[in-house]
C-alpha atoms as a PDB file:
ATOM      1  CA  MET A   1      62.372 114.063 116.446  1.00  0.00           C
ATOM      2  CA  GLN A   2      64.053 112.369 119.397  1.00  0.00           C
ATOM      3  CA  TRP A   3      62.049 112.603 122.599  1.00  0.00           C
ATOM      4  CA  THR A   4      62.969 112.556 126.262  1.00  0.00           C
ATOM      5  CA  LEU A   5      60.353 110.686 128.267  1.00  0.00           C
ATOM      6  CA  VAL A   6      59.645 111.748 131.841  1.00  0.00           C
ATOM      7  CA  ILE A   7      58.166 108.950 133.924  1.00  0.00           C
ATOM      8  CA  PRO A   8      56.872 109.669 137.443  1.00  0.00           C
ATOM      9  CA  LEU A   9      56.990 106.880 140.012  1.00  0.00           C
ATOM     10  CA  LYS A  10      55.712 107.191 143.570  1.00  0.00           C
ATOM     11  CA  PRO A  11      57.384 105.220 146.407  1.00  0.00           C
ATOM     12  CA  LEU A  12      56.721 101.540 145.792  1.00  0.00           C
ATOM     13  CA  THR A  13      55.182 100.941 149.206  1.00  0.00           C
ATOM     14  CA  ARG A  14      52.403 103.414 148.324  1.00  0.00           C
ATOM     15  CA  ALA A  15      51.922 102.311 144.729  1.00  0.00           C
ATOM     16  CA  LYS A  16      49.045 100.354 143.192  1.00  0.00           C
ATOM     17  CA  SER A  17      46.736 100.208 146.223  1.00  0.00           C
ATOM     18  CA  ARG A  18      43.812  99.312 143.940  1.00  0.00           C
ATOM     19  CA  LEU A  19      45.468  95.984 143.164  1.00  0.00           C
ATOM     20  CA  SER A  20      44.608  94.754 146.654  1.00  0.00           C
ATOM     21  CA  ASP A  21      41.980  92.424 145.178  1.00  0.00           C
ATOM     22  CA  THR A  22      44.645  90.777 143.046  1.00  0.00           C
ATOM     23  CA  ALA A  23      47.927  90.838 144.936  1.00  0.00           C
ATOM     24  CA  ALA A  24      48.827  90.312 148.562  1.00  0.00           C
ATOM     25  CA  GLU A  25      50.048  93.466 150.264  1.00  0.00           C
ATOM     26  CA  ALA A  26      53.634  92.244 150.151  1.00  0.00           C
ATOM     27  CA  LEU A  27      53.479  91.709 146.381  1.00  0.00           C
ATOM     28  CA  ARG A  28      52.155  95.122 145.340  1.00  0.00           C
ATOM     29  CA  PRO A  29      55.501  96.968 145.554  1.00  0.00           C
ATOM     30  CA  GLY A  30      57.057  94.259 143.405  1.00  0.00           C
ATOM     31  CA  LEU A  31      54.319  94.587 140.811  1.00  0.00           C
ATOM     32  CA  ALA A  32      54.690  98.371 140.728  1.00  0.00           C
ATOM     33  CA  LEU A  33      58.439  98.026 140.201  1.00  0.00           C
ATOM     34  CA  ALA A  34      57.942  95.386 137.496  1.00  0.00           C
ATOM     35  CA  PHE A  35      55.479  97.615 135.640  1.00  0.00           C
ATOM     36  CA  ALA A  36      58.010 100.448 135.713  1.00  0.00           C
ATOM     37  CA  GLN A  37      60.861  98.191 134.613  1.00  0.00           C
ATOM     38  CA  ASP A  38      58.925  96.901 131.606  1.00  0.00           C
ATOM     39  CA  THR A  39      57.831 100.443 130.759  1.00  0.00           C
ATOM     40  CA  VAL A  40      61.406 101.741 130.835  1.00  0.00           C
ATOM     41  CA  VAL A  41      62.809  98.806 128.832  1.00  0.00           C
ATOM     42  CA  ALA A  42      60.217  99.279 126.076  1.00  0.00           C
ATOM     43  CA  ALA A  43      60.605 103.069 126.087  1.00  0.00           C
ATOM     44  CA  LEU A  44      64.383 102.897 125.677  1.00  0.00           C
ATOM     45  CA  ALA A  45      63.936 100.450 122.792  1.00  0.00           C
ATOM     46  CA  CYS A  46      61.661 102.910 120.961  1.00  0.00           C
ATOM     47  CA  PRO A  47      63.358 104.485 117.918  1.00  0.00           C
ATOM     48  CA  ALA A  48      61.753 107.875 118.658  1.00  0.00           C
ATOM     49  CA  VAL A  49      63.145 108.040 122.223  1.00  0.00           C
ATOM     50  CA  ARG A  50      66.489 109.636 123.039  1.00  0.00           C
ATOM     51  CA  ASP A  51      66.426 108.936 126.764  1.00  0.00           C
ATOM     52  CA  VAL A  52      64.228 108.387 129.808  1.00  0.00           C
ATOM     53  CA  ALA A  53      64.128 110.333 133.066  1.00  0.00           C
ATOM     54  CA  VAL A  54      62.307 108.756 136.019  1.00  0.00           C
ATOM     55  CA  VAL A  55      61.181 111.109 138.778  1.00  0.00           C
ATOM     56  CA  THR A  56      61.213 109.139 142.019  1.00  0.00           C
ATOM     57  CA  ASP A  57      62.498 109.121 145.571  1.00  0.00           C
ATOM     58  CA  ASP A  58      62.257 105.339 145.894  1.00  0.00           C
ATOM     59  CA  ALA A  59      65.781 104.018 146.450  1.00  0.00           C
ATOM     60  CA  LEU A  60      65.116 100.494 145.181  1.00  0.00           C
ATOM     61  CA  ALA A  61      63.335 101.709 142.061  1.00  0.00           C
ATOM     62  CA  GLY A  62      66.117 104.201 141.463  1.00  0.00           C
ATOM     63  CA  ARG A  63      68.772 101.499 141.532  1.00  0.00           C
ATOM     64  CA  GLU A  64      66.844  99.044 139.372  1.00  0.00           C
ATOM     65  CA  LEU A  65      65.791 101.598 136.751  1.00  0.00           C
ATOM     66  CA  THR A  66      69.259 103.152 136.592  1.00  0.00           C
ATOM     67  CA  ALA A  67      70.589  99.682 135.785  1.00  0.00           C
ATOM     68  CA  LEU A  68      68.213  99.563 132.827  1.00  0.00           C
ATOM     69  CA  GLY A  69      69.498 102.872 131.456  1.00  0.00           C
ATOM     70  CA  ALA A  70      67.104 105.455 132.920  1.00  0.00           C
ATOM     71  CA  ARG A  71      68.241 108.703 134.502  1.00  0.00           C
ATOM     72  CA  ILE A  72      66.812 109.272 137.998  1.00  0.00           C
ATOM     73  CA  VAL A  73      65.570 112.714 138.997  1.00  0.00           C
ATOM     74  CA  PRO A  74      64.807 113.057 142.732  1.00  0.00           C
ATOM     75  CA  ASP A  75      61.236 114.130 143.428  1.00  0.00           C
ATOM     76  CA  GLU A  76      62.261 117.298 145.244  1.00  0.00           C
ATOM     77  CA  PRO A  77      58.859 119.014 145.150  1.00  0.00           C
ATOM     78  CA  GLN A  78      57.108 115.985 146.691  1.00  0.00           C
ATOM     79  CA  GLY A  79      53.914 117.716 145.654  1.00  0.00           C
ATOM     80  CA  GLY A  80      52.200 114.981 143.693  1.00  0.00           C
ATOM     81  CA  LEU A  81      52.169 113.794 140.124  1.00  0.00           C
ATOM     82  CA  ASN A  82      51.928 117.068 138.224  1.00  0.00           C
ATOM     83  CA  ALA A  83      54.558 118.772 140.363  1.00  0.00           C
ATOM     84  CA  ALA A  84      56.893 115.801 139.829  1.00  0.00           C
ATOM     85  CA  LEU A  85      56.416 115.980 136.063  1.00  0.00           C
ATOM     86  CA  THR A  86      57.018 119.718 135.930  1.00  0.00           C
ATOM     87  CA  HIS A  87      60.157 119.260 138.009  1.00  0.00           C
ATOM     88  CA  GLY A  88      61.346 116.416 135.752  1.00  0.00           C
ATOM     89  CA  VAL A  89      60.847 118.459 132.592  1.00  0.00           C
ATOM     90  CA  THR A  90      62.720 121.382 134.148  1.00  0.00           C
ATOM     91  CA  ALA A  91      65.639 119.074 134.983  1.00  0.00           C
ATOM     92  CA  VAL A  92      65.678 117.648 131.455  1.00  0.00           C
ATOM     93  CA  ARG A  93      65.538 121.036 129.754  1.00  0.00           C
ATOM     94  CA  ALA A  94      68.229 122.454 132.024  1.00  0.00           C
ATOM     95  CA  ILE A  95      70.596 120.063 130.257  1.00  0.00           C
ATOM     96  CA  ARG A  96      68.956 120.142 126.829  1.00  0.00           C
ATOM     97  CA  PRO A  97      66.973 123.385 126.391  1.00  0.00           C
ATOM     98  CA  GLY A  98      63.993 123.099 124.074  1.00  0.00           C
ATOM     99  CA  SER A  99      64.030 119.319 124.075  1.00  0.00           C
ATOM    100  CA  PRO A 100      60.779 117.626 123.045  1.00  0.00           C
ATOM    101  CA  VAL A 101      59.430 115.944 126.158  1.00  0.00           C
ATOM    102  CA  ALA A 102      56.634 113.522 126.907  1.00  0.00           C
ATOM    103  CA  ALA A 103      55.214 112.397 130.222  1.00  0.00           C
ATOM    104  CA  LEU A 104      54.578 108.663 130.224  1.00  0.00           C
ATOM    105  CA  ASN A 105      52.842 106.561 132.848  1.00  0.00           C
ATOM    106  CA  ALA A 106      55.019 104.123 134.779  1.00  0.00           C
ATOM    107  CA  ASP A 107      52.412 101.349 134.659  1.00  0.00           C
ATOM    108  CA  LEU A 108      52.445 100.242 131.017  1.00  0.00           C
ATOM    109  CA  PRO A 109      53.810  96.683 131.291  1.00  0.00           C
ATOM    110  CA  ALA A 110      52.606  95.670 127.812  1.00  0.00           C
ATOM    111  CA  LEU A 111      54.227  98.687 126.117  1.00  0.00           C
ATOM    112  CA  ARG A 112      55.481  98.048 122.568  1.00  0.00           C
ATOM    113  CA  PRO A 113      58.328 100.236 121.262  1.00  0.00           C
ATOM    114  CA  LEU A 114      56.916 100.582 117.748  1.00  0.00           C
ATOM    115  CA  GLU A 115      53.455 101.517 119.020  1.00  0.00           C
ATOM    116  CA  LEU A 116      55.033 104.156 121.256  1.00  0.00           C
ATOM    117  CA  SER A 117      56.968 105.423 118.239  1.00  0.00           C
ATOM    118  CA  ARG A 118      53.724 105.842 116.288  1.00  0.00           C
ATOM    119  CA  VAL A 119      52.237 107.895 119.106  1.00  0.00           C
ATOM    120  CA  LEU A 120      55.302 110.134 119.419  1.00  0.00           C
ATOM    121  CA  ASP A 121      55.528 110.627 115.655  1.00  0.00           C
ATOM    122  CA  ALA A 122      51.891 111.760 115.646  1.00  0.00           C
ATOM    123  CA  ALA A 123      52.548 114.105 118.572  1.00  0.00           C
ATOM    124  CA  GLU A 124      55.188 115.955 116.527  1.00  0.00           C
ATOM    125  CA  GLN A 125      52.389 117.664 114.607  1.00  0.00           C
ATOM    126  CA  PHE A 126      51.107 119.608 117.638  1.00  0.00           C
ATOM    127  CA  PRO A 127      52.568 121.939 120.265  1.00  0.00           C
ATOM    128  CA  ARG A 128      51.033 119.688 122.951  1.00  0.00           C
ATOM    129  CA  ALA A 129      49.263 116.377 122.475  1.00  0.00           C
ATOM    130  CA  PHE A 130      47.996 113.527 124.615  1.00  0.00           C
ATOM    131  CA  LEU A 131      46.820 109.932 124.382  1.00  0.00           C
ATOM    132  CA  ALA A 132      43.833 108.755 126.414  1.00  0.00           C
ATOM    133  CA  ASP A 133      44.028 105.556 128.409  1.00  0.00           C
ATOM    134  CA  ALA A 134      42.142 102.365 127.581  1.00  0.00           C
ATOM    135  CA  ALA A 135      39.218 103.459 129.753  1.00  0.00           C
ATOM    136  CA  ALA A 136      38.960 106.729 127.764  1.00  0.00           C
ATOM    137  CA  ILE A 137      38.957 108.704 131.022  1.00  0.00           C
ATOM    138  CA  GLY A 138      42.599 109.172 131.926  1.00  0.00           C
ATOM    139  CA  THR A 139      45.839 109.919 130.082  1.00  0.00           C
ATOM    140  CA  THR A 140      48.857 107.691 129.526  1.00  0.00           C
ATOM    141  CA  LEU A 141      51.041 110.098 127.515  1.00  0.00           C
ATOM    142  CA  LEU A 142      51.277 113.889 127.294  1.00  0.00           C
ATOM    143  CA  ALA A 143      53.782 115.406 124.875  1.00  0.00           C
ATOM    144  CA  ALA A 144      55.208 118.875 124.297  1.00  0.00           C
ATOM    145  CA  THR A 145      57.320 119.739 121.265  1.00  0.00           C
ATOM    146  CA  PRO A 146      60.354 122.062 121.507  1.00  0.00           C
ATOM    147  CA  ALA A 147      59.764 125.497 123.051  1.00  0.00           C
ATOM    148  CA  HIS A 148      56.382 124.474 124.470  1.00  0.00           C
ATOM    149  CA  GLU A 149      55.579 123.779 128.107  1.00  0.00           C
ATOM    150  CA  LEU A 150      54.181 120.390 129.104  1.00  0.00           C
ATOM    151  CA  LEU A 151      51.492 121.778 131.464  1.00  0.00           C
ATOM    152  CA  PRO A 152      50.493 118.411 132.958  1.00  0.00           C
ATOM    153  CA  ALA A 153      46.956 118.044 134.332  1.00  0.00           C
ATOM    154  CA  PHE A 154      46.962 114.415 135.434  1.00  0.00           C
ATOM    155  CA  GLY A 155      44.497 113.175 138.017  1.00  0.00           C
ATOM    156  CA  PRO A 156      40.772 112.372 137.887  1.00  0.00           C
ATOM    157  CA  ASP A 157      39.303 112.839 134.390  1.00  0.00           C
ATOM    158  CA  SER A 158      42.663 113.885 132.981  1.00  0.00           C
ATOM    159  CA  ARG A 159      41.505 113.218 129.430  1.00  0.00           C
ATOM    160  CA  ALA A 160      38.958 116.025 129.740  1.00  0.00           C
ATOM    161  CA  ARG A 161      41.418 118.220 131.624  1.00  0.00           C
ATOM    162  CA  HIS A 162      44.153 117.888 129.006  1.00  0.00           C
ATOM    163  CA  ARG A 163      41.682 118.524 126.212  1.00  0.00           C
ATOM    164  CA  ALA A 164      40.427 121.633 128.022  1.00  0.00           C
ATOM    165  CA  SER A 165      44.017 122.837 128.434  1.00  0.00           C
ATOM    166  CA  GLY A 166      44.409 123.004 124.654  1.00  0.00           C
ATOM    167  CA  ALA A 167      46.358 119.781 124.100  1.00  0.00           C
ATOM    168  CA  ALA A 168      45.390 117.859 120.958  1.00  0.00           C
ATOM    169  CA  GLU A 169      43.975 114.394 121.525  1.00  0.00           C
ATOM    170  CA  LEU A 170      45.689 111.705 119.470  1.00  0.00           C
ATOM    171  CA  THR A 171      43.145 109.289 118.024  1.00  0.00           C
ATOM    172  CA  LEU A 172      45.357 106.536 116.670  1.00  0.00           C
ATOM    173  CA  GLY A 173      44.305 102.928 116.264  1.00  0.00           C
ATOM    174  CA  ASP A 174      46.435  99.898 117.041  1.00  0.00           C
ATOM    175  CA  VAL A 175      48.346 101.474 119.924  1.00  0.00           C
ATOM    176  CA  ASP A 176      46.639  99.510 122.690  1.00  0.00           C
ATOM    177  CA  SER A 177      49.895  98.817 124.499  1.00  0.00           C
ATOM    178  CA  VAL A 178      50.427 102.562 125.028  1.00  0.00           C
ATOM    179  CA  ARG A 179      46.886 102.996 126.364  1.00  0.00           C
ATOM    180  CA  GLN A 180      46.767 100.017 128.726  1.00  0.00           C
ATOM    181  CA  ASP A 181      47.847 101.269 132.107  1.00  0.00           C
ATOM    182  CA  VAL A 182      47.295  99.086 135.173  1.00  0.00           C
ATOM    183  CA  ASP A 183      45.412 100.215 138.268  1.00  0.00           C
ATOM    184  CA  THR A 184      43.082  97.261 138.946  1.00  0.00           C
ATOM    185  CA  GLY A 185      43.003  93.508 138.560  1.00  0.00           C
ATOM    186  CA  ASP A 186      40.933  93.890 135.397  1.00  0.00           C
ATOM    187  CA  ASP A 187      43.575  96.225 133.977  1.00  0.00           C
ATOM    188  CA  LEU A 188      46.279  93.690 134.737  1.00  0.00           C
ATOM    189  CA  ARG A 189      44.268  90.961 133.043  1.00  0.00           C
ATOM    190  CA  ALA A 190      43.940  93.164 129.938  1.00  0.00           C
ATOM    191  CA  ALA A 191      47.664  93.900 129.930  1.00  0.00           C
ATOM    192  CA  LEU A 192      48.512  90.216 130.270  1.00  0.00           C
ATOM    193  CA  ALA A 193      46.250  89.483 127.296  1.00  0.00           C
ATOM    194  CA  LEU A 194      48.243  91.979 125.236  1.00  0.00           C
ATOM    195  CA  GLY A 195      51.508  90.412 126.394  1.00  0.00           C
ATOM    196  CA  VAL A 196      53.574  91.974 129.158  1.00  0.00           C
ATOM    197  CA  GLY A 197      57.314  92.344 129.515  1.00  0.00           C
ATOM    198  CA  ARG A 198      59.490  89.857 131.334  1.00  0.00           C
ATOM    199  CA  TYR A 199      59.535  91.627 134.696  1.00  0.00           C
ATOM    200  CA  THR A 200      55.752  91.771 135.020  1.00  0.00           C
ATOM    201  CA  ALA A 201      55.403  88.247 133.661  1.00  0.00           C
ATOM    202  CA  ALA A 202      57.719  86.954 136.374  1.00  0.00           C
ATOM    203  CA  VAL A 203      56.086  88.803 139.278  1.00  0.00           C
ATOM    204  CA  SER A 204      52.498  88.171 138.192  1.00  0.00           C
ATOM    205  CA  ALA A 205      52.974  84.443 137.648  1.00  0.00           C
ATOM    206  CA  GLY A 206      50.535  82.567 139.864  1.00  0.00           C
ATOM    207  CA  LEU A 207      48.460  85.574 140.919  1.00  0.00           C
ATOM    208  CA  LEU A 208      44.708  85.176 141.087  1.00  0.00           C
ATOM    209  CA  ILE A 209      43.588  87.787 138.564  1.00  0.00           C
ATOM    210  CA  PRO A 210      39.876  88.613 138.219  1.00  0.00           C
ATOM    211  CA  GLY A 211      38.373  87.300 135.009  1.00  0.00           C
ATOM    212  CA  THR A 212      40.998  84.662 134.331  1.00  0.00           C
END
């Protein structure tokens, strides 16, 4: 099964506010963009991925991610994360009806293509499935196989919300790079320990990261 990934990305100037203990205000947009760039590069290198659609209204991110091979879908609803994902899936399936789709966080700078492939292969077995984040509270990936709606429920405690919605929780080992999203300095330290992509490595060089 070849998946289309839908990646939501808020305007860079509003992204990653919880990294204020790690990065100067001027550096946070660059970190958010770098996370998204490394996420898109790894996703497009995944053998289970057909293509990537990024839902964003950020002009700079749109240009940079288009150059990497992503398709940009304008965030017309401007109604938050779940509305953006629903809109992105609708845009994807307008071109390719019934396509398997998966929502993927934009802040997975350590993402490994083969680990992502393992997660997507496991998701094929269920109408809807999700992967919890490293903190076991949130969600980094939510998948829907052909003819099934995504029904995203991201936000606080999204692991519990997706489970309650009927999505199957994927309990794979050795897919840490798909679980490790980055919201805080500690998250960034954990991602760096796993090994981040070249964009995040370049931007994060020299930052004072808690715990290092």
